[in-house]
Amino acid sequence: MQAEFWLRKWELGETGFHQESVNESLQDWWPSIHAPAGGAVFVPLCGKSMDMRWLADQGQKVVGIEVSPVACREFFDELQLKPDIEEGGAFRRYVAGPFRILQGDYFAAGPADLGPVSGFYDRAALVAMPPEMQPDYVQQLVDLLPTGAVGLINCLEYPPELMDGPPFSIREAGLRKLLGPRCHVTLLSAREINTEGTNLERKGLVGLAETAYRVRVGD
């Protein structure tokens, strides 16, 4: 599932994956993550997520990476912010207020592109990746983050035979294997999600669990 897939989704307005409300697990568990107050939080594959606004309201700076220029423009338009747009290197940078979004290929980023970050938040980036791409996604995430960075990763669990992703099902053992020995993983919660009347039900999924994990990047 390459960048062209997501670029086309945004261009056609096929963005059923975009949530119009702030994620409940983020609101419930972010305080327990203990990300440094006022520090920068990295949000990979951020789209125009309202979760970024919520993080900023908690006093965090937000650094996102998003492949689609449509999503970047709409994020700032909906906030009624006029970003400075900086060109250079592998990314176009949209900057306004506490937000800095890098528009370009996630896999082309290096730590210098992000700048200093101390936290991270992944609501639906990892589960958007097919299984064959998940190891590369996670390796890039860990390489981008400094030792000691703390964050929240949300996953989904469902019988994979019921639906072809995205989003893809990732169980706790699978997440721990992906993150490897450098990361310390704590399961925070698992809550049932009702898929009735959603795109997921139309794809064949009649129920699923959303899990939340605290992750710390260690030595």
Protein backbone atom coordinates (compact mmCIF):
# COMPACT_ATOMS: atom_id res chain seq x y z
CA MET A 1 0.00 0.00 0.00
CA GLN A 2 2.05 2.90 -1.34
CA ALA A 3 1.69 6.66 -1.00
CA GLU A 4 -0.33 6.83 -4.22
CA PHE A 5 -3.16 4.94 -2.50
CA TRP A 6 -3.55 7.59 0.21
CA LEU A 7 -2.98 10.51 -2.15
CA ARG A 8 -5.85 9.30 -4.30
CA LYS A 9 -8.11 8.78 -1.27
CA TRP A 10 -7.64 12.42 -0.24
CA GLU A 11 -7.98 13.74 -3.79
CA LEU A 12 -11.28 11.87 -4.26
CA GLY A 13 -12.58 12.77 -0.80
CA GLU A 14 -12.75 9.10 0.17
CA THR A 15 -11.74 9.81 3.75
CA GLY A 16 -14.08 7.67 5.83
CA PHE A 17 -11.04 6.91 7.99
CA HIS A 18 -10.96 10.54 9.17
CA GLN A 19 -12.62 10.90 12.58
CA GLU A 20 -14.70 13.99 13.32
CA SER A 21 -14.13 13.72 17.07
CA VAL A 22 -11.12 13.41 19.33
CA ASN A 23 -10.10 9.83 20.08
CA GLU A 24 -11.40 8.65 23.47
CA SER A 25 -8.29 6.67 24.31
CA LEU A 26 -6.13 9.72 23.67
CA GLN A 27 -8.20 11.79 26.09
CA ASP A 28 -8.30 9.01 28.68
CA TRP A 29 -4.66 8.01 28.64
CA TRP A 30 -2.49 10.87 27.42
CA PRO A 31 -2.00 12.31 30.92
CA SER A 32 -0.58 8.94 32.05
CA ILE A 33 1.95 8.93 29.21
CA HIS A 34 3.88 11.68 31.06
CA ALA A 35 5.18 13.35 27.92
CA PRO A 36 7.20 16.44 28.91
CA ALA A 37 4.94 19.47 29.27
CA GLY A 38 5.32 21.87 26.39
CA GLY A 39 7.42 19.43 24.39
CA ALA A 40 6.89 18.44 20.79
CA VAL A 41 4.78 15.39 19.96
CA PHE A 42 5.36 13.55 16.70
CA VAL A 43 2.23 12.37 14.86
CA PRO A 44 3.07 10.13 11.88
CA LEU A 45 0.67 9.92 8.92
CA CYS A 46 -1.36 12.61 10.64
CA GLY A 47 -3.94 13.51 8.01
CA LYS A 48 -6.01 16.40 9.35
CA SER A 49 -6.70 14.67 12.64
CA MET A 50 -8.56 16.58 15.34
CA ASP A 51 -6.33 14.73 17.82
CA MET A 52 -3.55 17.17 16.90
CA ARG A 53 -5.71 20.09 17.96
CA TRP A 54 -6.45 18.36 21.25
CA LEU A 55 -2.74 17.75 21.90
CA ALA A 56 -2.04 21.42 21.23
CA ASP A 57 -4.80 22.37 23.65
CA GLN A 58 -2.91 20.38 26.31
CA GLY A 59 0.10 22.63 25.76
CA GLN A 60 2.07 20.35 23.41
CA LYS A 61 3.75 21.39 20.20
CA VAL A 62 2.81 19.08 17.31
CA VAL A 63 5.01 17.82 14.48
CA GLY A 64 3.16 15.75 11.88
CA ILE A 65 4.11 13.97 8.68
CA GLU A 66 1.45 13.62 6.00
CA VAL A 67 1.83 12.63 2.37
CA SER A 68 -1.25 14.45 1.07
CA PRO A 69 -1.17 18.20 0.39
CA VAL A 70 -4.98 18.15 0.46
CA ALA A 71 -4.98 16.95 4.08
CA CYS A 72 -2.37 19.54 5.07
CA ARG A 73 -4.31 22.42 3.52
CA GLU A 74 -7.61 21.29 4.99
CA PHE A 75 -6.14 20.94 8.47
CA PHE A 76 -5.07 24.57 8.60
CA ASP A 77 -8.14 25.84 6.71
CA GLU A 78 -10.45 24.20 9.26
CA LEU A 79 -8.49 25.84 12.08
CA GLN A 80 -8.65 29.16 10.23
CA LEU A 81 -4.88 29.40 10.36
CA LYS A 82 -2.72 30.65 7.52
CA PRO A 83 0.49 28.64 7.65
CA ASP A 84 3.89 29.71 6.48
CA ILE A 85 4.90 27.24 3.76
CA GLU A 86 8.57 26.41 3.52
CA GLU A 87 10.07 24.47 0.63
CA GLY A 88 13.29 22.50 0.82
CA GLY A 89 14.68 19.01 0.94
CA ALA A 90 12.24 16.11 0.88
CA PHE A 91 9.36 18.05 2.46
CA ARG A 92 7.10 21.02 2.13
CA ARG A 93 6.62 22.42 5.64
CA TYR A 94 3.37 23.98 6.83
CA VAL A 95 3.93 25.99 10.01
CA ALA A 96 1.43 27.95 12.12
CA GLY A 97 1.01 28.33 15.87
CA PRO A 98 2.01 25.13 17.68
CA PHE A 99 1.74 23.05 14.49
CA ARG A 100 4.42 22.01 12.01
CA ILE A 101 3.35 19.50 9.37
CA LEU A 102 5.82 18.02 6.93
CA GLN A 103 4.15 17.12 3.66
CA GLY A 104 5.97 14.26 1.98
CA ASP A 105 7.08 10.67 2.32
CA TYR A 106 7.24 9.39 5.91
CA PHE A 107 10.02 6.99 4.96
CA ALA A 108 12.18 9.86 3.66
CA ALA A 109 12.30 11.62 7.04
CA GLY A 110 15.26 11.80 9.37
CA PRO A 111 15.51 13.06 12.96
CA ALA A 112 16.75 16.44 11.71
CA ASP A 113 13.51 16.92 9.76
CA LEU A 114 11.45 16.47 12.92
CA GLY A 115 13.66 18.51 15.20
CA PRO A 116 13.53 17.89 18.97
CA VAL A 117 10.58 15.68 19.93
CA SER A 118 9.90 14.03 23.27
CA GLY A 119 6.58 12.30 22.64
CA PHE A 120 4.63 10.60 19.88
CA TYR A 121 1.08 9.55 19.08
CA ASP A 122 -0.07 6.91 16.60
CA ARG A 123 -3.83 6.53 16.40
CA ALA A 124 -4.24 4.87 13.03
CA ALA A 125 -0.90 4.95 11.21
CA LEU A 126 0.44 1.50 12.08
CA VAL A 127 -2.92 -0.21 11.50
CA ALA A 128 -3.14 1.49 8.10
CA MET A 129 -0.04 -0.43 6.99
CA PRO A 130 -0.39 -3.93 5.51
CA PRO A 131 1.52 -6.58 7.47
CA GLU A 132 4.42 -6.66 5.02
CA MET A 133 5.03 -2.90 5.53
CA GLN A 134 4.55 -2.78 9.31
CA PRO A 135 8.15 -3.75 10.23
CA ASP A 136 9.56 -0.97 8.04
CA TYR A 137 7.06 1.54 9.45
CA VAL A 138 8.00 0.66 13.04
CA GLN A 139 11.73 0.67 12.34
CA GLN A 140 11.42 4.15 10.86
CA LEU A 141 9.37 5.33 13.84
CA VAL A 142 11.93 4.08 16.36
CA ASP A 143 14.81 5.52 14.32
CA LEU A 144 13.14 8.94 14.26
CA LEU A 145 12.57 9.08 18.03
CA PRO A 146 15.19 9.79 20.67
CA THR A 147 15.87 7.43 23.55
CA GLY A 148 13.39 8.20 26.30
CA ALA A 149 10.60 9.35 24.00
CA VAL A 150 7.19 8.25 25.26
CA GLY A 151 3.96 7.86 23.39
CA LEU A 152 0.60 6.29 22.81
CA ILE A 153 -0.12 3.73 20.10
CA ASN A 154 -3.68 2.67 19.32
CA CYS A 155 -4.31 -0.65 17.59
CA LEU A 156 -7.38 -2.57 16.46
CA GLU A 157 -8.12 -6.23 17.06
CA TYR A 158 -10.57 -8.33 15.06
CA PRO A 159 -10.59 -11.73 13.36
CA PRO A 160 -8.54 -10.90 10.24
CA GLU A 161 -10.49 -13.36 8.11
CA LEU A 162 -13.56 -11.12 8.46
CA MET A 163 -12.12 -8.14 6.63
CA ASP A 164 -9.33 -7.09 4.32
CA GLY A 165 -7.72 -3.95 5.76
CA PRO A 166 -6.98 -1.18 6.09
CA PRO A 167 -7.30 -0.89 8.99
CA PHE A 168 -5.44 -4.10 9.85
CA SER A 169 -5.75 -6.12 13.04
CA ILE A 170 -2.71 -6.06 15.36
CA ARG A 171 -2.77 -8.00 18.61
CA GLU A 172 -0.59 -7.29 21.63
CA ALA A 173 1.94 -10.05 20.89
CA GLY A 174 2.25 -8.79 17.33
CA LEU A 175 2.84 -5.22 18.46
CA ARG A 176 5.48 -6.28 20.96
CA LYS A 177 7.27 -8.28 18.27
CA LEU A 178 7.16 -5.35 15.86
CA LEU A 179 8.50 -2.84 18.37
CA GLY A 180 11.27 -5.16 19.49
CA PRO A 181 13.56 -5.02 22.52
CA ARG A 182 14.27 -1.29 22.30
CA CYS A 183 10.71 -0.41 23.28
CA HIS A 184 8.95 -0.87 26.60
CA VAL A 185 5.25 -1.58 26.02
CA THR A 186 2.37 -1.36 28.51
CA LEU A 187 -1.22 -2.26 27.62
CA LEU A 188 -3.47 0.50 28.95
CA SER A 189 -6.94 -0.47 27.77
CA ALA A 190 -9.06 -2.46 25.37
CA ARG A 191 -12.55 -1.28 24.53
CA GLU A 192 -15.18 -2.70 22.23
CA ILE A 193 -16.15 -0.60 19.22
CA ASN A 194 -19.59 -0.87 17.64
CA THR A 195 -19.21 -0.95 13.85
CA GLU A 196 -22.95 -0.91 13.10
CA GLY A 197 -23.74 1.52 10.28
CA THR A 198 -20.08 2.26 9.53
CA ASN A 199 -17.83 1.60 6.55
CA LEU A 200 -16.27 -1.21 8.58
CA GLU A 201 -19.60 -3.02 8.83
CA ARG A 202 -20.06 -2.65 5.08
CA LYS A 203 -16.64 -4.26 4.64
CA GLY A 204 -17.81 -7.25 6.69
CA LEU A 205 -16.68 -6.38 10.21
CA VAL A 206 -19.35 -6.67 12.89
CA GLY A 207 -17.24 -5.67 15.88
CA LEU A 208 -13.71 -4.98 17.00
CA ALA A 209 -11.62 -3.88 19.96
CA GLU A 210 -9.51 -0.74 20.12
CA THR A 211 -6.43 -1.17 22.27
CA ALA A 212 -4.18 1.54 23.69
CA TYR A 213 -0.52 1.07 24.62
CA ARG A 214 2.03 3.25 26.35
CA VAL A 215 5.38 2.88 24.59
CA ARG A 216 8.76 4.16 25.74
CA VAL A 217 11.79 4.05 23.47
CA GLY A 218 14.69 2.72 25.52
CA ASP A 219 18.25 1.54 25.01
